[in-house]
């Protein structure tokens, strides 16, 4: 049932999703927005029974489900017996699937991977649309009853009718606003696609230009010191492309149910030394990277692949935004029932006005200048932290440096 509070429209929501990680992230996003998740179900037939039992105000449905039924089948089955408001959450965007989904008259559509802002906008729009449709339906029913009244009864109801017409006009305005919000969401997705395209185009152009210069020099057999400079340009551009592709793949394949993400025993000193080696291979030989393990355990059992992505990303950012010959310190400390990884630098820092958006997809601080980046890394590892039930926090002062802390729960 949908309720209206001082903070907006909140409702009971049933998640029908076969991806455990996506369901977990979606539940957290919905709970943070003030909604109540009444259940999570991956099997289509079981989802139908659970929806009949709970009768939630809104269904969040993935197209692909366990069992013989897909998300559209579940929606159609429920629509035969009860009024059902549905928002689809799926990674499928082909024309055939979209047409099949559209035929069920959904209240919204979220394309994976999603973020909290996108979920908030789609859910808010869907609930507003649902409330206005209910208001219109109620008003129309009352109008139908009044048509059957006698002339005298209609005259007595004239004032009431005028008020109801006014309510219908207001409801129509609200529906137009909801449609505008849907259009804005579509524009956001379009800007994201444009941003990704630009990030690929610029490094590739740089690589081609450098290769052409090197080819000319080789043909002239007159190689000088600039030859090395162009090689470095190629190397930097390749690393940039590699980072973009890597982060995009991580968004698609992240999660504890991924075959590459299994718990294993990790020897901490060996693990940290491997991160230093990877940083040096990426071109940060001139940074003084210090590892401190004062009272940490010799080894831990955790998801090594995710942990390495998190610590490497934080350390790589510390190197990227710090001067040459600067010191980057990585400390591993016991903290109550957690193991805390602190990555400390004396780099450019993060402006105070940018800090609240730091973990948003495609966001970059206003002081990064010409330093290459795509705004994906921190958003990705923030999701990893959520999946691992860990905390990712930071403290930063512009022009002084930053400290990022990752607190991993220890069983």
Protein backbone atom coordinates (compact mmCIF):
# COMPACT_ATOMS: atom_id res chain seq x y z
CA UNK A 1 0.00 0.00 0.00
CA UNK A 2 1.30 3.46 -0.91
CA UNK A 3 1.50 6.12 1.81
CA UNK A 4 2.39 9.80 1.63
CA UNK A 5 4.72 11.27 4.23
CA UNK A 6 6.40 14.62 4.74
CA UNK A 7 9.35 13.35 2.73
CA UNK A 8 7.35 12.08 -0.29
CA UNK A 9 5.61 8.91 -1.42
CA UNK A 10 6.72 5.67 0.25
CA UNK A 11 5.38 2.19 -0.45
CA UNK A 12 5.76 -1.55 0.12
CA UNK A 13 7.86 -3.06 -2.68
CA UNK A 14 8.38 -6.67 -3.78
CA UNK A 15 11.69 -7.37 -5.63
CA UNK A 16 11.48 -10.13 -8.27
CA UNK A 17 15.12 -10.63 -9.31
CA UNK A 18 17.32 -13.69 -10.01
CA UNK A 19 20.62 -11.83 -9.53
CA UNK A 20 21.40 -11.91 -5.79
CA UNK A 21 23.86 -9.03 -5.97
CA UNK A 22 21.52 -6.81 -7.98
CA UNK A 23 18.68 -7.66 -5.54
CA UNK A 24 20.87 -6.78 -2.55
CA UNK A 25 21.95 -3.42 -4.04
CA UNK A 26 18.37 -2.64 -5.08
CA UNK A 27 17.02 -3.48 -1.61
CA UNK A 28 19.59 -1.20 0.01
CA UNK A 29 18.80 1.64 -2.41
CA UNK A 30 15.05 1.30 -1.80
CA UNK A 31 15.46 1.10 1.98
CA UNK A 32 17.69 4.19 1.96
CA UNK A 33 14.94 6.01 0.06
CA UNK A 34 12.39 5.16 2.80
CA UNK A 35 10.53 2.29 1.14
CA UNK A 36 9.75 -1.11 2.70
CA UNK A 37 10.95 -4.21 0.84
CA UNK A 38 8.42 -6.95 1.70
CA UNK A 39 10.34 -9.73 -0.02
CA UNK A 40 12.83 -10.89 -2.67
CA UNK A 41 12.02 -13.78 -5.02
CA UNK A 42 13.98 -15.19 -7.98
CA UNK A 43 11.49 -17.82 -9.24
CA UNK A 44 8.63 -16.60 -11.42
CA UNK A 45 5.88 -18.91 -10.11
CA UNK A 46 6.85 -18.33 -6.46
CA UNK A 47 6.93 -14.60 -7.12
CA UNK A 48 3.29 -14.70 -8.26
CA UNK A 49 2.20 -16.43 -5.05
CA UNK A 50 4.22 -14.03 -2.89
CA UNK A 51 2.73 -11.00 -4.68
CA UNK A 52 -0.81 -12.33 -4.09
CA UNK A 53 0.00 -12.80 -0.42
CA UNK A 54 1.80 -9.50 0.24
CA UNK A 55 -0.12 -7.31 -2.24
CA UNK A 56 2.67 -4.70 -2.40
CA UNK A 57 2.17 -1.21 -3.77
CA UNK A 58 4.88 -1.73 -6.41
CA UNK A 59 6.75 -4.61 -8.06
CA UNK A 60 10.43 -4.31 -9.17
CA UNK A 61 10.74 -7.06 -11.82
CA UNK A 62 13.75 -8.38 -13.76
CA UNK A 63 13.02 -9.81 -17.23
CA UNK A 64 15.17 -12.92 -16.69
CA UNK A 65 14.00 -15.12 -13.78
CA UNK A 66 14.54 -18.62 -12.46
CA UNK A 67 11.99 -21.22 -13.57
CA UNK A 68 9.79 -21.31 -16.66
CA UNK A 69 8.38 -17.79 -16.38
CA UNK A 70 10.09 -14.52 -17.22
CA UNK A 71 9.28 -11.10 -15.77
CA UNK A 72 6.68 -10.28 -18.43
CA UNK A 73 4.90 -13.60 -17.81
CA UNK A 74 4.73 -12.82 -14.07
CA UNK A 75 3.36 -9.34 -14.72
CA UNK A 76 0.64 -10.55 -17.11
CA UNK A 77 -0.43 -13.28 -14.69
CA UNK A 78 -0.83 -10.82 -11.82
CA UNK A 79 -2.61 -8.23 -14.00
CA UNK A 80 -5.41 -10.73 -14.65
CA UNK A 81 -6.34 -10.82 -10.96
CA UNK A 82 -5.26 -7.53 -9.41
CA UNK A 83 -4.20 -3.99 -10.22
CA UNK A 84 -0.43 -4.24 -10.46
CA UNK A 85 2.12 -1.41 -10.73
CA UNK A 86 5.41 -2.66 -12.19
CA UNK A 87 8.88 -1.16 -12.72
CA UNK A 88 11.24 -3.36 -14.75
CA UNK A 89 14.92 -3.66 -13.75
CA UNK A 90 16.94 -5.44 -16.42
CA UNK A 91 20.08 -5.42 -18.54
CA UNK A 92 18.17 -6.34 -21.72
CA UNK A 93 17.60 -3.42 -24.09
CA UNK A 94 16.94 -5.05 -27.46
CA UNK A 95 13.87 -3.92 -29.42
CA UNK A 96 11.97 -7.21 -29.10
CA UNK A 97 12.30 -7.27 -25.31
CA UNK A 98 11.38 -3.59 -24.97
CA UNK A 99 8.25 -4.11 -27.07
CA UNK A 100 7.25 -7.11 -24.96
CA UNK A 101 7.76 -5.08 -21.77
CA UNK A 102 5.87 -2.07 -23.18
CA UNK A 103 2.80 -4.23 -23.87
CA UNK A 104 2.39 -4.74 -20.10
CA UNK A 105 2.08 -0.95 -19.50
CA UNK A 106 4.93 -0.65 -16.95
CA UNK A 107 5.30 2.36 -14.68
CA UNK A 108 9.02 2.64 -15.33
CA UNK A 109 12.19 0.98 -16.62
CA UNK A 110 15.66 0.84 -15.04
CA UNK A 111 18.63 -0.40 -17.04
CA UNK A 112 21.40 -2.24 -15.18
CA UNK A 113 23.81 -1.17 -13.80
CA UNK A 114 21.80 1.37 -11.81
CA UNK A 115 22.57 3.92 -9.10
CA UNK A 116 20.53 5.31 -6.19
CA UNK A 117 19.73 8.58 -7.99
CA UNK A 118 18.28 6.73 -10.98
CA UNK A 119 16.24 4.41 -8.73
CA UNK A 120 14.91 7.40 -6.78
CA UNK A 121 13.81 9.25 -9.94
CA UNK A 122 12.10 6.22 -11.53
CA UNK A 123 10.34 5.11 -8.31
CA UNK A 124 9.22 8.68 -7.53
CA UNK A 125 7.84 9.08 -11.04
CA UNK A 126 6.10 5.70 -10.92
CA UNK A 127 4.44 6.37 -7.54
CA UNK A 128 3.31 9.85 -8.58
CA UNK A 129 1.83 8.41 -11.76
CA UNK A 130 0.11 5.65 -9.77
CA UNK A 131 -1.38 8.12 -7.29
CA UNK A 132 -2.67 10.41 -10.03
CA UNK A 133 -4.22 7.53 -11.96
CA UNK A 134 -5.99 6.40 -8.81
CA UNK A 135 -7.24 9.94 -8.27
CA UNK A 136 -8.49 10.11 -11.85
CA UNK A 137 -10.15 6.70 -11.57
CA UNK A 138 -11.87 7.71 -8.36
CA UNK A 139 -13.03 11.00 -9.84
CA UNK A 140 -14.40 9.27 -12.95
CA UNK A 141 -16.32 6.75 -10.86
CA UNK A 142 -17.90 9.54 -8.85
CA UNK A 143 -18.82 11.40 -12.04
CA UNK A 144 -20.50 8.28 -13.44
CA UNK A 145 -22.61 7.97 -10.29
CA UNK A 146 -23.65 11.60 -10.45
CA UNK A 147 -24.79 11.31 -14.08
CA UNK A 148 -27.49 8.90 -12.85
CA UNK A 149 -28.79 11.34 -10.27
CA UNK A 150 -31.99 13.29 -10.76
CA UNK A 151 -31.82 16.88 -11.91
CA UNK A 152 -32.42 18.15 -8.40
CA UNK A 153 -29.61 16.00 -7.01
CA UNK A 154 -27.26 17.19 -9.76
CA UNK A 155 -27.97 20.84 -8.92
CA UNK A 156 -27.11 20.16 -5.29
CA UNK A 157 -23.87 18.53 -6.37
CA UNK A 158 -22.75 21.39 -8.66
CA UNK A 159 -20.20 22.78 -6.23
CA UNK A 160 -18.77 19.34 -5.60
CA UNK A 161 -18.45 18.70 -9.34
CA UNK A 162 -16.52 21.93 -9.81
CA UNK A 163 -14.08 20.85 -7.11
CA UNK A 164 -13.65 17.45 -8.72
CA UNK A 165 -12.93 19.04 -12.10
CA UNK A 166 -10.25 21.14 -10.45
CA UNK A 167 -8.73 17.99 -8.91
CA UNK A 168 -8.67 16.32 -12.32
CA UNK A 169 -6.86 19.32 -13.82
CA UNK A 170 -4.29 19.17 -11.05
CA UNK A 171 -3.89 15.45 -11.60
CA UNK A 172 -3.31 16.06 -15.32
CA UNK A 173 -0.62 18.61 -14.52
CA UNK A 174 1.09 16.12 -12.21
CA UNK A 175 1.00 13.48 -14.95
CA UNK A 176 2.66 15.92 -17.35
CA UNK A 177 5.37 16.56 -14.75
CA UNK A 178 5.89 12.81 -14.39
CA UNK A 179 6.32 12.48 -18.17
CA UNK A 180 8.85 15.32 -18.10
CA UNK A 181 10.84 13.51 -15.40
CA UNK A 182 10.89 10.37 -17.56
CA UNK A 183 12.24 12.43 -20.46
CA UNK A 184 14.97 13.92 -18.25
CA UNK A 185 16.00 10.43 -17.16
CA UNK A 186 16.34 9.40 -20.80
CA UNK A 187 18.53 12.46 -21.44
CA UNK A 188 20.78 11.51 -18.51
CA UNK A 189 21.36 8.07 -20.04
CA UNK A 190 22.12 9.71 -23.39
CA UNK A 191 24.73 12.01 -21.80
CA UNK A 192 26.36 9.00 -20.11
CA UNK A 193 26.66 7.23 -23.46
CA UNK A 194 28.16 10.37 -25.02
CA UNK A 195 30.66 10.67 -22.16
CA UNK A 196 31.83 7.08 -22.65
CA UNK A 197 32.22 7.62 -26.39
CA UNK A 198 34.35 10.73 -25.87
CA UNK A 199 36.55 8.97 -23.32
CA UNK A 200 37.38 6.29 -25.88
CA UNK A 201 37.87 8.65 -28.83
CA UNK A 202 40.45 11.02 -27.33
CA UNK A 203 43.02 8.40 -26.16
CA UNK A 204 42.75 6.47 -29.43
CA UNK A 205 43.42 9.67 -31.42
CA UNK A 206 46.48 10.33 -29.27
CA UNK A 207 47.82 6.82 -29.92
CA UNK A 208 47.39 7.13 -33.69
CA UNK A 209 49.13 10.53 -33.78
CA UNK A 210 52.12 9.24 -31.82
CA UNK A 211 52.43 6.11 -33.97
CA UNK A 212 52.49 8.21 -37.14
CA UNK A 213 55.28 10.42 -35.76
CA UNK A 214 57.34 7.37 -34.76
CA UNK A 215 56.89 5.85 -38.20
CA UNK A 216 58.25 9.00 -39.86
CA UNK A 217 61.28 9.09 -37.56
CA UNK A 218 61.99 5.44 -38.17
CA UNK A 219 61.83 5.96 -41.93
CA UNK A 220 64.36 8.79 -41.67
CA UNK A 221 66.63 6.63 -39.45
CA UNK A 222 67.22 9.67 -37.28
CA UNK A 223 65.88 8.65 -33.85
CA UNK A 224 66.43 11.14 -31.00
CA UNK A 225 65.20 11.55 -27.42
CA UNK A 226 61.72 12.59 -28.53
CA UNK A 227 61.26 8.96 -29.63
CA UNK A 228 60.99 7.96 -25.98
CA UNK A 229 58.53 10.76 -25.28
CA UNK A 230 56.13 9.49 -27.92
CA UNK A 231 56.41 5.96 -26.59
CA UNK A 232 55.42 7.29 -23.18
CA UNK A 233 52.42 9.04 -24.72
CA UNK A 234 51.33 5.76 -26.29
CA UNK A 235 51.79 3.92 -23.02
CA UNK A 236 49.78 6.51 -21.05
CA UNK A 237 46.93 6.47 -23.55
CA UNK A 238 46.81 2.67 -23.59
CA UNK A 239 46.64 2.59 -19.80
CA UNK A 240 43.78 5.12 -19.91
CA UNK A 241 41.78 2.99 -22.37
CA UNK A 242 42.55 -0.11 -20.32
CA UNK A 243 41.23 1.63 -17.19
CA UNK A 244 37.98 2.64 -18.90
CA UNK A 245 37.34 -0.83 -20.30
CA UNK A 246 38.27 -2.46 -17.01
CA UNK A 247 35.87 -0.30 -14.99
CA UNK A 248 33.01 -0.83 -17.44
CA UNK A 249 33.54 -4.60 -17.29
CA UNK A 250 33.66 -4.47 -13.50
CA UNK A 251 30.25 -2.77 -13.41
CA UNK A 252 28.81 -5.51 -15.60
CA UNK A 253 30.49 -8.49 -13.88
CA UNK A 254 30.74 -7.36 -10.25
CA UNK A 255 29.17 -9.39 -7.46
CA UNK A 256 29.89 -12.20 -5.03
CA UNK A 257 28.11 -14.73 -7.25
CA UNK A 258 30.57 -14.14 -10.09
CA UNK A 259 32.75 -17.20 -10.71
CA UNK A 260 35.88 -15.04 -10.42
CA UNK A 261 34.90 -13.81 -6.95
CA UNK A 262 35.42 -16.64 -4.46
CA UNK A 263 36.63 -16.48 -0.87
CA UNK A 264 40.22 -17.58 -0.32
CA UNK A 265 43.01 -17.17 2.21
CA UNK A 266 45.08 -14.06 1.51
CA UNK A 267 48.58 -13.52 2.92
CA UNK A 268 48.62 -9.81 3.63
CA UNK A 269 52.30 -8.92 3.08
CA UNK A 270 52.37 -10.83 -0.23
CA UNK A 271 49.04 -9.27 -1.23
CA UNK A 272 50.23 -5.71 -0.51
CA UNK A 273 53.56 -6.25 -2.29
CA UNK A 274 51.67 -7.41 -5.40
CA UNK A 275 49.73 -4.13 -5.39
CA UNK A 276 53.00 -2.15 -5.23
CA UNK A 277 54.34 -4.17 -8.17
CA UNK A 278 51.18 -3.50 -10.20
CA UNK A 279 51.45 0.23 -9.48
CA UNK A 280 55.07 0.28 -10.64
CA UNK A 281 54.14 -1.56 -13.83
CA UNK A 282 51.47 1.07 -14.46
CA UNK A 283 54.17 3.77 -14.51
CA UNK A 284 54.44 4.96 -10.90
CA UNK A 285 58.07 3.88 -10.28
CA UNK A 286 58.88 7.43 -9.16
CA UNK A 287 56.39 7.33 -6.26
CA UNK A 288 57.60 6.33 -2.78
CA UNK A 289 54.96 3.71 -1.89
CA UNK A 290 55.19 2.64 1.76
CA UNK A 291 53.37 -0.41 3.20
CA UNK A 292 52.81 -0.60 6.97
CA UNK A 293 51.32 -3.68 8.69
CA UNK A 294 51.93 -2.88 12.39
CA UNK A 295 49.42 -5.19 14.10
CA UNK A 296 47.53 -6.80 11.24
CA UNK A 297 47.04 -10.60 11.02
CA UNK A 298 49.37 -12.63 8.83
CA UNK A 299 46.49 -13.76 6.62
CA UNK A 300 42.73 -13.34 6.20
CA UNK A 301 39.93 -15.14 4.37
CA UNK A 302 38.11 -12.81 2.00
CA UNK A 303 37.16 -12.14 -1.63
CA UNK A 304 40.67 -11.46 -2.93
CA UNK A 305 39.61 -10.27 -6.39
CA UNK A 306 37.27 -7.58 -5.03
CA UNK A 307 39.68 -6.54 -2.27
CA UNK A 308 42.50 -6.09 -4.78
CA UNK A 309 40.33 -3.99 -7.07
CA UNK A 310 39.43 -1.72 -4.13
CA UNK A 311 42.92 -1.23 -2.67
CA UNK A 312 44.61 -0.98 -6.08
CA UNK A 313 42.09 1.63 -7.26
CA UNK A 314 42.56 3.75 -4.14
CA UNK A 315 46.36 3.49 -4.33
CA UNK A 316 46.37 4.21 -8.09
CA UNK A 317 44.28 7.36 -7.50
CA UNK A 318 46.67 8.45 -4.74
CA UNK A 319 49.60 8.12 -7.16
CA UNK A 320 47.76 9.76 -10.05
CA UNK A 321 46.82 12.89 -8.08
CA UNK A 322 50.17 13.26 -6.26
CA UNK A 323 53.40 14.83 -7.46
CA UNK A 324 56.40 12.79 -8.65
CA UNK A 325 58.73 11.63 -5.83
CA UNK A 326 55.84 12.02 -3.35
CA UNK A 327 55.08 9.46 -0.63
CA UNK A 328 52.01 7.23 -0.75
CA UNK A 329 51.37 5.31 2.47
CA UNK A 330 49.14 2.24 2.80
CA UNK A 331 48.47 1.20 6.40
CA UNK A 332 46.64 -1.97 7.48
CA UNK A 333 45.27 -1.68 11.04
CA UNK A 334 43.02 -3.66 13.37
CA UNK A 335 39.87 -1.74 14.29
CA UNK A 336 37.47 -3.50 16.70
CA UNK A 337 36.00 -6.35 14.62
CA UNK A 338 37.30 -4.99 11.31
CA UNK A 339 40.54 -4.68 9.36
CA UNK A 340 41.08 -1.13 8.09
CA UNK A 341 43.10 -0.26 4.99
CA UNK A 342 44.14 3.43 4.97
CA UNK A 343 45.53 4.92 1.73
CA UNK A 344 47.17 8.26 2.52
CA UNK A 345 48.60 10.82 0.09
CA UNK A 346 49.74 14.43 0.01
CA UNK A 347 48.21 15.15 -3.38
CA UNK A 348 45.86 17.78 -4.76
CA UNK A 349 43.00 16.85 -2.39
CA UNK A 350 39.27 17.13 -3.09
CA UNK A 351 37.39 20.46 -3.00
CA UNK A 352 34.80 20.53 -0.23
CA UNK A 353 31.96 21.28 -2.63
CA UNK A 354 32.79 18.15 -4.70
CA UNK A 355 33.01 15.64 -1.85
CA UNK A 356 29.30 14.75 -1.63
CA UNK A 357 29.31 13.62 -5.30
CA UNK A 358 32.65 11.76 -5.24
CA UNK A 359 31.10 8.26 -5.49
CA UNK A 360 28.64 9.18 -8.29
CA UNK A 361 29.15 7.53 -11.68
CA UNK A 362 31.17 9.67 -14.15
CA UNK A 363 31.82 12.42 -11.57
CA UNK A 364 35.26 14.04 -11.44
CA UNK A 365 36.43 16.75 -9.05
CA UNK A 366 36.72 20.28 -10.39
CA UNK A 367 40.45 20.56 -9.64
CA UNK A 368 41.76 17.54 -11.63
CA UNK A 369 42.77 19.70 -14.59
CA UNK A 370 44.26 17.68 -17.45
CA UNK A 371 44.83 14.53 -15.37
CA UNK A 372 43.17 11.70 -17.30
CA UNK A 373 40.26 9.81 -15.75
CA UNK A 374 36.68 8.68 -16.35
CA UNK A 375 34.88 9.01 -13.01
CA UNK A 376 34.04 5.30 -12.77
CA UNK A 377 36.61 3.80 -10.38
CA UNK A 378 35.33 5.13 -7.04
CA UNK A 379 31.70 4.43 -7.97
CA UNK A 380 32.57 0.82 -8.80
CA UNK A 381 34.54 0.11 -5.61
CA UNK A 382 31.81 1.79 -3.53
CA UNK A 383 29.47 -0.90 -4.87
CA UNK A 384 32.08 -3.54 -4.05
CA UNK A 385 32.24 -2.25 -0.47
CA UNK A 386 28.46 -2.57 -0.18
CA UNK A 387 28.57 -6.13 -1.54
CA UNK A 388 31.28 -7.08 0.98
CA UNK A 389 29.33 -5.44 3.86
CA UNK A 390 32.31 -3.10 4.30
CA UNK A 391 32.65 0.67 4.74
CA UNK A 392 34.46 3.07 2.40
CA UNK A 393 35.06 6.58 3.80
CA UNK A 394 37.47 9.43 3.18
CA UNK A 395 38.84 12.68 4.55
CA UNK A 396 40.37 15.26 2.25
CA UNK A 397 41.58 18.85 2.19
CA UNK A 398 42.22 20.59 -1.12
CA UNK A 399 45.90 21.22 -1.66
CA UNK A 400 46.89 19.10 1.36
CA UNK A 401 45.96 15.50 0.53
CA UNK A 402 43.46 12.72 1.12
CA UNK A 403 42.99 9.62 3.27
CA UNK A 404 40.67 6.87 2.02
CA UNK A 405 39.71 4.19 4.56
CA UNK A 406 38.28 0.77 3.71
CA UNK A 407 37.02 -1.15 6.77
CA UNK A 408 36.55 -4.86 6.10
CA UNK A 409 34.52 -6.85 8.69
CA UNK A 410 36.44 -9.79 10.18
CA UNK A 411 34.61 -12.95 11.24
